Amino acid sequence: MRNKNELKIMMKTDHTGCKYFAWLVLLILPACFMQTAGAQTDPFVRYFNNIPSIIQTLSKTDSGSGSNVITVSKFIFSSRDKTNSVYAIMARPQQAGHYPAILFLHGGGSRAEDLYGRVMEYAKRGYVTMAIDQPGICNSGKAVNSEGPWKTRPQGEAPRFDMSGGPQTSTLADAEIAGLEAFNLLASQPGVDVNNIGITGFSWGGYSTTMLAGLLGKKVKAAYAVFGCGFYDQGSFWKDMIAKMPETDRAVWLQYLDAGRRATNIKAAYFLDAASNDTYFWPEAVSATLNRIGKNKNHVWGPNLNHKQSIYGAAMQKQFFDHYLKNEGMPFGKIMITKIKKEVDGSSKVSIKTDLPNGVAKDSIILYFSEQDRNWQAREWKTINAVFKKENEYSAVLPADEIKKGINFYVYMRDDRGITTASNMYDSGSKK
């Protein structure tokens, strides 16, 4: 290799060499920069198609009689290249057949065993079902059958946002890798219809539903997230925590571990069962997540609810999965705000349009609004009944005195099946 003096001589005496050297520098520097900027790798790619090994079967029992017998297996599978062992419950109709399947994901501090009733309920309805302990999300003290390094880390949020060794250091990497492998294990079961598999979860399980649906793409036919979404940085319980992260760490976490950034790859029919006053997943994050997903999406804002599913939620989940995974029943209807017109008196006329399946009728259409001077959790959502105009068109008028205060609003529809859906959320300065 030439020393610095030799390089100087070459550049002074050889014009061709100078041009070559400059070209070489321009070629190498960007490559070095790209290598540094892209030093992190996606921690999930290698697990997209990995089917884990079952390392221990704990029990296998039958319940019911005749053609309604349900077989329940409790077992442990190896996850993340044998780094973790994950407890799982699987239930299925014993009668031979071709069945749709659903992966159930628990919330933060919960565990697979807490979903046993739901797993059994859906198995009796003709699904192959599975629930797992999600490492790093489950309660490590109660998840006695699951093991791994994540169990030695502190409980709570901090390990989920730990970027000290890259995205693979976060315990969310353990959780979502286990979710990917569980999905693939479920899909590999005899009699499972691989073209009709769904995912659903509550809170952190809702985050995982959104995350896994984005990672798995076309493999997922239907996803029903309760509360959980992405874009934590735009409005969530974790917003300040993310803002305080070093800039590089924050960028890495958002790129690889934020479910909202993965949502563009969601191909499943997607429903987000949100709560208007949620402590953890605020409307800004919910809206940003929905905006990243394609056409086959829908949602509801549970009015005046804080991290609590509405009385319609459980039945809605059943109808959602029955339609998309069994081709039974009708899809959910949709409701949208088509125009917001400022009137001379300072009020706003909100034009509304509904889209309901044939044979399904609306039960009620209500405009909800709340003042912006309080945080989401403290808000009281007030109501205005919409007025029928023609066919599937309605309207409601926001009073001028309420608009002056600064408000957010949306329209909410319940149909005669008990299905509830909502429009996007707007504020008093919105123009449409």
Protein backbone atom coordinates (compact mmCIF):
# COMPACT_ATOMS: atom_id res chain seq x y z
CA MET A 1 0.00 0.00 0.00
CA ARG A 2 1.31 3.49 -0.89
CA ASN A 3 2.11 5.93 1.96
CA LYS A 4 0.75 9.46 2.06
CA ASN A 5 3.79 10.97 0.25
CA GLU A 6 3.49 8.49 -2.58
CA LEU A 7 -0.19 9.34 -2.95
CA LYS A 8 0.63 13.06 -3.09
CA ILE A 9 3.26 12.47 -5.82
CA MET A 10 0.83 10.30 -7.78
CA MET A 11 -1.85 12.96 -7.64
CA LYS A 12 0.57 15.71 -8.74
CA THR A 13 2.23 13.85 -11.57
CA ASP A 14 -0.49 11.61 -12.98
CA HIS A 15 -3.70 13.36 -13.98
CA THR A 16 -5.29 10.01 -14.88
CA GLY A 17 -4.29 8.61 -11.52
CA CYS A 18 -5.81 11.64 -9.81
CA LYS A 19 -9.12 11.11 -11.54
CA TYR A 20 -9.06 7.41 -10.68
CA PHE A 21 -8.24 8.10 -7.02
CA ALA A 22 -11.04 10.66 -6.71
CA TRP A 23 -13.48 8.24 -8.33
CA LEU A 24 -12.37 5.50 -5.90
CA VAL A 25 -12.92 7.76 -2.88
CA LEU A 26 -16.40 8.73 -4.09
CA LEU A 27 -17.22 5.04 -4.57
CA ILE A 28 -15.94 3.83 -1.20
CA LEU A 29 -17.26 6.59 1.10
CA PRO A 30 -20.97 6.14 0.33
CA ALA A 31 -20.56 2.39 0.65
CA CYS A 32 -18.96 2.82 4.06
CA PHE A 33 -21.74 5.18 5.13
CA MET A 34 -24.41 2.75 3.96
CA GLN A 35 -22.71 -0.07 5.81
CA THR A 36 -22.69 1.97 9.03
CA ALA A 37 -26.28 3.21 8.64
CA GLY A 38 -27.51 -0.25 7.78
CA ALA A 39 -25.48 -2.03 10.44
CA GLN A 40 -28.67 -3.17 12.15
CA THR A 41 -30.51 -6.10 10.62
CA ASP A 42 -34.15 -7.05 10.85
CA PRO A 43 -34.34 -9.48 13.79
CA PHE A 44 -37.38 -11.27 12.37
CA VAL A 45 -36.46 -12.15 8.77
CA ARG A 46 -34.85 -15.51 9.52
CA TYR A 47 -37.98 -16.67 11.39
CA PHE A 48 -40.62 -15.84 8.78
CA ASN A 49 -40.90 -19.48 7.71
CA ASN A 50 -39.41 -21.28 10.69
CA ILE A 51 -41.50 -24.08 12.21
CA PRO A 52 -40.25 -24.67 15.77
CA SER A 53 -39.73 -28.06 17.39
CA ILE A 54 -42.00 -29.26 20.19
CA ILE A 55 -39.56 -30.23 22.93
CA GLN A 56 -42.02 -31.43 25.56
CA THR A 57 -45.67 -32.45 25.62
CA LEU A 58 -47.17 -31.70 29.03
CA SER A 59 -50.68 -33.06 28.51
CA LYS A 60 -53.21 -34.12 25.94
CA THR A 61 -56.87 -34.40 26.92
CA ASP A 62 -60.28 -34.82 25.30
CA SER A 63 -63.54 -33.21 26.30
CA GLY A 64 -67.06 -33.41 24.94
CA SER A 65 -68.72 -36.35 23.24
CA GLY A 66 -69.55 -37.74 19.83
CA SER A 67 -68.69 -35.45 16.95
CA ASN A 68 -68.10 -32.55 19.37
CA VAL A 69 -64.98 -33.90 21.06
CA ILE A 70 -62.25 -31.29 21.49
CA THR A 71 -58.62 -32.34 21.90
CA VAL A 72 -56.46 -30.00 23.96
CA SER A 73 -52.67 -30.23 23.93
CA LYS A 74 -50.36 -28.35 26.27
CA PHE A 75 -46.72 -28.36 25.23
CA ILE A 76 -43.46 -26.43 25.08
CA PHE A 77 -41.72 -25.47 21.85
CA SER A 78 -38.20 -24.26 21.24
CA SER A 79 -37.97 -20.65 20.09
CA ARG A 80 -35.38 -18.25 18.77
CA ASP A 81 -32.79 -20.88 17.86
CA LYS A 82 -33.26 -22.74 21.16
CA THR A 83 -32.70 -19.58 23.19
CA ASN A 84 -36.22 -19.69 24.65
CA SER A 85 -38.74 -22.38 25.48
CA VAL A 86 -42.36 -21.29 25.07
CA TYR A 87 -45.48 -22.77 26.63
CA ALA A 88 -48.46 -23.21 24.31
CA ILE A 89 -52.03 -24.46 24.39
CA MET A 90 -53.61 -25.89 21.25
CA ALA A 91 -57.23 -27.00 20.88
CA ARG A 92 -58.94 -28.59 17.90
CA PRO A 93 -62.04 -30.56 16.93
CA GLN A 94 -61.16 -34.25 17.06
CA GLN A 95 -63.43 -35.05 14.15
CA ALA A 96 -61.46 -35.23 10.90
CA GLY A 97 -61.87 -32.18 8.69
CA HIS A 98 -60.33 -29.09 7.15
CA TYR A 99 -60.45 -26.25 9.69
CA PRO A 100 -59.56 -22.56 9.82
CA ALA A 101 -57.19 -21.55 12.61
CA ILE A 102 -56.65 -18.63 14.99
CA LEU A 103 -53.62 -17.59 17.04
CA PHE A 104 -54.61 -15.84 20.30
CA LEU A 105 -52.19 -13.38 21.91
CA HIS A 106 -52.45 -12.20 25.50
CA GLY A 107 -51.92 -8.71 26.88
CA GLY A 108 -49.03 -7.37 28.92
CA GLY A 109 -48.54 -9.20 32.22
CA SER A 110 -50.87 -12.01 31.19
CA ARG A 111 -50.10 -15.54 29.89
CA ALA A 112 -51.38 -18.28 27.61
CA GLU A 113 -53.29 -20.01 30.41
CA ASP A 114 -55.46 -16.90 30.81
CA LEU A 115 -56.71 -17.50 27.24
CA TYR A 116 -57.66 -21.13 27.84
CA GLY A 117 -61.40 -20.33 27.83
CA ARG A 118 -61.17 -18.42 24.54
CA VAL A 119 -59.09 -21.16 22.92
CA MET A 120 -61.67 -23.77 23.92
CA GLU A 121 -64.64 -21.63 22.90
CA TYR A 122 -63.39 -21.18 19.34
CA ALA A 123 -62.30 -24.81 19.02
CA LYS A 124 -65.88 -25.82 19.82
CA ARG A 125 -66.97 -23.50 17.03
CA GLY A 126 -64.84 -25.30 14.46
CA TYR A 127 -61.39 -23.70 14.64
CA VAL A 128 -57.93 -25.02 15.42
CA THR A 129 -56.69 -22.58 18.05
CA MET A 130 -53.47 -21.76 19.84
CA ALA A 131 -52.34 -19.45 22.63
CA ILE A 132 -48.75 -18.96 23.79
CA ASP A 133 -46.78 -17.27 26.52
CA GLN A 134 -45.16 -14.34 24.73
CA PRO A 135 -41.66 -13.92 26.16
CA GLY A 136 -41.06 -10.37 27.35
CA ILE A 137 -44.79 -9.56 27.32
CA CYS A 138 -46.18 -12.27 29.61
CA ASN A 139 -45.95 -12.25 33.39
CA SER A 140 -42.63 -14.02 33.91
CA GLY A 141 -43.56 -15.04 37.44
CA LYS A 142 -46.79 -16.77 36.40
CA ALA A 143 -45.55 -18.20 33.10
CA VAL A 144 -43.93 -21.11 34.93
CA ASN A 145 -43.56 -23.37 31.90
CA SER A 146 -41.71 -20.88 29.70
CA GLU A 147 -37.99 -20.19 30.06
CA GLY A 148 -35.25 -18.03 28.58
CA PRO A 149 -32.86 -15.15 29.30
CA TRP A 150 -35.82 -12.71 29.11
CA LYS A 151 -37.04 -14.11 32.44
CA THR A 152 -34.03 -12.67 34.28
CA ARG A 153 -34.72 -9.15 33.06
CA PRO A 154 -36.80 -6.62 35.01
CA GLN A 155 -40.58 -6.66 34.70
CA GLY A 156 -42.16 -3.68 32.99
CA GLU A 157 -41.49 -1.54 29.96
CA ALA A 158 -37.73 -0.88 30.02
CA PRO A 159 -36.52 -4.18 28.45
CA ARG A 160 -38.99 -3.71 25.59
CA PHE A 161 -37.23 -0.48 24.62
CA ASP A 162 -33.66 -1.65 25.26
CA MET A 163 -31.59 -1.02 22.13
CA SER A 164 -28.16 -1.48 23.73
CA GLY A 165 -27.34 -4.36 21.40
CA GLY A 166 -29.66 -3.46 18.55
CA PRO A 167 -33.32 -4.41 17.99
CA GLN A 168 -32.59 -8.03 18.89
CA THR A 169 -31.89 -6.90 22.48
CA SER A 170 -35.48 -5.79 23.09
CA THR A 171 -37.66 -8.42 24.73
CA LEU A 172 -40.21 -7.59 22.03
CA ALA A 173 -37.90 -9.47 19.68
CA ASP A 174 -38.38 -12.57 21.86
CA ALA A 175 -42.16 -12.02 21.88
CA GLU A 176 -42.64 -11.52 18.16
CA ILE A 177 -40.23 -14.28 17.14
CA ALA A 178 -42.25 -16.64 19.36
CA GLY A 179 -45.39 -15.31 17.66
CA LEU A 180 -43.99 -15.95 14.18
CA GLU A 181 -42.92 -19.46 15.09
CA ALA A 182 -46.25 -20.20 16.80
CA PHE A 183 -48.13 -19.08 13.70
CA ASN A 184 -46.00 -21.33 11.50
CA LEU A 185 -46.45 -24.24 13.91
CA LEU A 186 -50.21 -23.71 13.89
CA ALA A 187 -50.25 -23.58 10.09
CA SER A 188 -48.30 -26.85 9.90
CA GLN A 189 -50.89 -28.84 11.86
CA PRO A 190 -52.81 -31.60 10.03
CA GLY A 191 -56.23 -30.46 8.93
CA VAL A 192 -55.49 -26.73 9.18
CA ASP A 193 -56.62 -24.69 6.19
CA VAL A 194 -53.48 -22.63 5.56
CA ASN A 195 -55.46 -20.17 3.46
CA ASN A 196 -57.70 -19.26 6.39
CA ILE A 197 -55.65 -18.39 9.45
CA GLY A 198 -56.33 -15.42 11.73
CA ILE A 199 -54.66 -13.59 14.60
CA THR A 200 -56.21 -11.69 17.48
CA GLY A 201 -54.91 -10.13 20.69
CA PHE A 202 -55.63 -7.64 23.45
CA SER A 203 -53.42 -4.62 24.36
CA TRP A 204 -49.79 -5.75 23.87
CA GLY A 205 -51.42 -8.73 22.19
CA GLY A 206 -53.17 -6.24 19.90
CA TYR A 207 -49.79 -4.69 19.13
CA SER A 208 -48.53 -8.20 18.36
CA THR A 209 -51.58 -8.87 16.16
CA THR A 210 -50.75 -5.77 14.11
CA MET A 211 -47.02 -6.53 14.11
CA LEU A 212 -47.36 -10.17 13.06
CA ALA A 213 -49.96 -9.36 10.41
CA GLY A 214 -47.43 -6.93 8.93
CA LEU A 215 -44.54 -9.38 9.14
CA LEU A 216 -46.47 -12.34 7.74
CA GLY A 217 -48.32 -10.50 4.99
CA LYS A 218 -50.44 -12.79 2.82
CA LYS A 219 -50.14 -15.70 5.24
CA VAL A 220 -52.70 -14.01 7.51
CA LYS A 221 -56.29 -13.94 6.25
CA ALA A 222 -57.88 -11.93 9.10
CA ALA A 223 -56.52 -9.88 12.01
CA TYR A 224 -58.57 -8.41 14.85
CA ALA A 225 -56.56 -6.15 17.17
CA VAL A 226 -58.12 -5.02 20.42
CA PHE A 227 -56.53 -1.62 21.28
CA GLY A 228 -53.03 -2.56 20.17
CA CYS A 229 -51.54 -0.63 17.25
CA GLY A 230 -48.31 1.07 16.23
CA PHE A 231 -46.89 4.59 15.98
CA TYR A 232 -46.27 4.84 19.71
CA ASP A 233 -44.16 7.92 19.05
CA GLN A 234 -47.19 9.85 17.78
CA GLY A 235 -49.50 9.29 20.73
CA SER A 236 -49.31 6.58 23.37
CA PHE A 237 -48.45 5.72 26.95
CA TRP A 238 -44.88 5.18 25.69
CA LYS A 239 -44.54 8.43 23.73
CA ASP A 240 -42.32 10.22 26.25
CA MET A 241 -40.23 7.10 26.84
CA ILE A 242 -39.51 6.87 23.12
CA ALA A 243 -38.79 10.60 22.88
CA LYS A 244 -36.12 10.28 25.60
CA MET A 245 -34.27 7.49 23.82
CA PRO A 246 -31.00 8.43 22.09
CA GLU A 247 -31.80 9.44 18.52
CA THR A 248 -30.08 6.45 16.92
CA ASP A 249 -31.77 3.97 19.28
CA ARG A 250 -35.14 5.59 18.72
CA ALA A 251 -34.78 5.33 14.95
CA VAL A 252 -33.83 1.65 15.19
CA TRP A 253 -36.74 0.83 17.53
CA LEU A 254 -39.25 2.58 15.29
CA GLN A 255 -37.90 0.92 12.15
CA TYR A 256 -37.90 -2.65 13.41
CA LEU A 257 -40.21 -2.86 16.44
CA ASP A 258 -42.97 -0.34 15.80
CA ALA A 259 -46.04 -2.18 14.50
CA GLY A 260 -47.18 0.90 12.58
CA ARG A 261 -44.11 0.90 10.34
CA ARG A 262 -44.87 -2.75 9.52
CA ALA A 263 -48.53 -2.08 8.75
CA THR A 264 -47.98 -1.29 5.06
CA ASN A 265 -47.45 -5.03 4.51
CA ILE A 266 -50.75 -6.07 6.11
CA LYS A 267 -52.74 -8.01 3.53
CA ALA A 268 -55.29 -9.47 5.95
CA ALA A 269 -58.77 -8.15 6.55
CA TYR A 270 -57.93 -5.92 9.53
CA PHE A 271 -60.12 -4.57 12.32
CA LEU A 272 -58.92 -2.32 15.14
CA ASP A 273 -61.21 -2.31 18.19
CA ALA A 274 -60.05 0.95 19.78
CA ALA A 275 -61.21 2.83 22.88
CA SER A 276 -61.70 6.60 22.70
CA ASN A 277 -60.21 7.20 26.19
CA ASP A 278 -57.49 4.56 26.18
CA THR A 279 -54.56 5.07 28.55
CA TYR A 280 -52.10 3.25 26.32
CA PHE A 281 -53.12 3.54 22.65
CA TRP A 282 -54.23 7.08 21.84
CA PRO A 283 -56.25 8.14 18.78
CA GLU A 284 -53.17 9.64 17.11
CA ALA A 285 -51.44 6.25 17.11
CA VAL A 286 -54.58 4.35 16.08
CA SER A 287 -55.24 6.74 13.19
CA ALA A 288 -51.64 6.67 11.97
CA THR A 289 -51.66 2.86 11.98
CA LEU A 290 -54.92 2.65 10.05
CA ASN A 291 -53.60 5.14 7.50
CA ARG A 292 -50.73 2.75 6.69
CA ILE A 293 -53.03 -0.18 5.88
CA GLY A 294 -54.66 -0.84 2.51
CA LYS A 295 -58.36 -0.87 1.71
CA ASN A 296 -59.55 -3.92 3.65
CA LYS A 297 -59.55 -2.27 7.06
CA ASN A 298 -62.13 -1.07 9.53
CA HIS A 299 -62.32 0.11 13.12
CA VAL A 300 -64.42 1.42 15.97
CA TRP A 301 -63.81 3.93 18.74
CA GLY A 302 -65.44 2.55 21.90
CA PRO A 303 -66.99 5.79 23.23
CA ASN A 304 -65.96 6.80 26.76
CA LEU A 305 -64.09 3.53 27.27
CA ASN A 306 -60.58 3.29 28.70
CA HIS A 307 -58.75 0.05 27.87
CA LYS A 308 -62.03 -1.81 28.05
CA GLN A 309 -63.69 -3.58 25.15
CA SER A 310 -67.33 -2.69 24.48
CA ILE A 311 -70.17 -5.07 25.27
CA TYR A 312 -70.35 -5.84 21.55
CA GLY A 313 -66.66 -6.72 21.16
CA ALA A 314 -66.60 -10.47 21.85
CA ALA A 315 -69.55 -11.16 19.52
CA MET A 316 -68.01 -8.93 16.86
CA GLN A 317 -64.78 -10.94 16.90
CA LYS A 318 -66.74 -14.14 16.31
CA GLN A 319 -68.66 -12.66 13.39
CA PHE A 320 -65.47 -11.18 11.93
CA PHE A 321 -63.59 -14.47 11.92
CA ASP A 322 -66.60 -16.51 10.83
CA HIS A 323 -66.96 -14.28 7.79
CA TYR A 324 -63.32 -14.09 6.72
CA LEU A 325 -62.14 -17.57 7.76
CA LYS A 326 -65.31 -19.60 7.19
CA ASN A 327 -67.03 -17.48 4.55
CA GLU A 328 -70.11 -17.29 6.77
CA GLY A 329 -72.32 -14.28 7.42
CA MET A 330 -71.80 -10.78 6.09
CA PRO A 331 -68.89 -8.34 6.40
CA PHE A 332 -68.96 -5.38 8.76
CA GLY A 333 -70.51 -2.18 7.49
CA LYS A 334 -68.61 1.07 7.16
CA ILE A 335 -69.42 4.65 8.05
CA MET A 336 -67.57 7.75 6.87
CA ILE A 337 -67.68 11.51 7.02
CA THR A 338 -67.88 12.80 3.45
CA LYS A 339 -68.05 16.56 4.03
CA ILE A 340 -67.59 19.12 6.81
CA LYS A 341 -69.22 22.44 5.90
CA LYS A 342 -68.81 25.59 7.99
CA GLU A 343 -72.07 27.48 8.27
CA VAL A 344 -72.49 31.26 8.54
CA ASP A 345 -73.52 30.97 12.19
CA GLY A 346 -70.22 29.25 13.07
CA SER A 347 -71.63 25.74 13.27
CA SER A 348 -70.48 22.87 11.07
CA LYS A 349 -72.70 20.54 9.09
CA VAL A 350 -71.21 17.05 8.98
CA SER A 351 -72.32 14.90 6.04
CA ILE A 352 -72.26 11.15 6.67
CA LYS A 353 -72.43 8.13 4.41
CA THR A 354 -72.94 4.49 5.35
CA ASP A 355 -72.07 1.32 3.48
CA LEU A 356 -73.93 -1.72 4.82
CA PRO A 357 -74.19 -5.24 3.35
CA ASN A 358 -77.44 -6.20 1.68
CA GLY A 359 -80.04 -7.22 4.24
CA VAL A 360 -78.31 -5.44 7.13
CA ALA A 361 -79.91 -2.31 8.58
CA LYS A 362 -78.50 0.42 10.77
CA ASP A 363 -79.70 0.54 14.36
CA SER A 364 -78.26 3.94 15.28
CA ILE A 365 -75.89 6.59 13.96
CA ILE A 366 -74.39 9.00 16.47
CA LEU A 367 -71.83 11.80 16.24
CA TYR A 368 -69.50 11.84 19.26
CA PHE A 369 -67.43 14.91 20.19
CA SER A 370 -65.17 15.95 23.06
CA GLU A 371 -63.24 19.05 24.06
CA GLN A 372 -59.51 19.13 23.39
CA ASP A 373 -58.50 20.86 26.62
CA ARG A 374 -58.22 17.54 28.44
CA ASN A 375 -56.12 14.45 27.83
CA TRP A 376 -57.79 11.52 26.13
CA GLN A 377 -58.38 9.62 29.35
CA ALA A 378 -60.24 12.48 31.04
CA ARG A 379 -62.51 13.34 28.13
CA GLU A 380 -66.28 13.09 28.14
CA TRP A 381 -67.65 12.29 24.71
CA LYS A 382 -71.01 13.96 24.09
CA THR A 383 -73.54 12.84 21.51
CA ILE A 384 -75.58 14.22 18.64
CA ASN A 385 -78.00 11.93 16.83
CA ALA A 386 -77.58 11.93 13.07
CA VAL A 387 -80.53 12.86 10.86
CA PHE A 388 -81.57 10.76 7.87
CA LYS A 389 -81.30 12.56 4.52
CA LYS A 390 -81.75 9.95 1.77
CA GLU A 391 -80.85 6.32 1.13
CA ASN A 392 -77.51 5.82 2.95
CA GLU A 393 -76.84 9.50 3.70
CA TYR A 394 -77.16 11.26 7.04
CA SER A 395 -76.05 14.52 8.64
CA ALA A 396 -75.38 16.08 12.02
CA VAL A 397 -74.67 19.66 13.07
CA LEU A 398 -71.87 20.59 15.47
CA PRO A 399 -72.89 23.69 17.48
CA ALA A 400 -70.82 26.84 17.06
CA ASP A 401 -70.16 27.22 20.79
CA GLU A 402 -68.67 23.71 20.93
CA ILE A 403 -66.51 24.31 17.87
CA LYS A 404 -65.07 27.47 19.47
CA LYS A 405 -63.78 25.41 22.38
CA GLY A 406 -61.79 23.12 20.07
CA ILE A 407 -63.12 19.60 19.70
CA ASN A 408 -62.48 16.18 18.21
CA PHE A 409 -65.34 14.24 16.66
CA TYR A 410 -66.29 11.06 14.81
CA VAL A 411 -69.44 9.23 13.79
CA TYR A 412 -70.39 5.84 15.16
CA MET A 413 -72.78 3.26 13.76
CA ARG A 414 -74.40 0.20 15.30
CA ASP A 415 -76.27 -2.15 12.97
CA ASP A 416 -79.05 -4.62 13.70
CA ARG A 417 -76.49 -7.41 14.25
CA GLY A 418 -74.82 -5.49 17.07
CA ILE A 419 -71.78 -4.64 14.94
CA THR A 420 -70.28 -1.24 15.74
CA THR A 421 -67.94 0.72 13.47
CA ALA A 422 -66.78 4.31 13.30
CA SER A 423 -65.41 6.94 10.95
CA ASN A 424 -62.00 8.50 11.09
CA MET A 425 -61.55 11.06 13.85
CA TYR A 426 -61.47 14.77 13.00
CA ASP A 427 -60.92 18.03 14.84
CA SER A 428 -62.81 21.32 14.72
CA GLY A 429 -60.33 22.77 12.23
CA SER A 430 -60.72 19.93 9.74
CA LYS A 431 -61.83 20.63 6.17
CA LYS A 432 -63.21 17.92 3.95
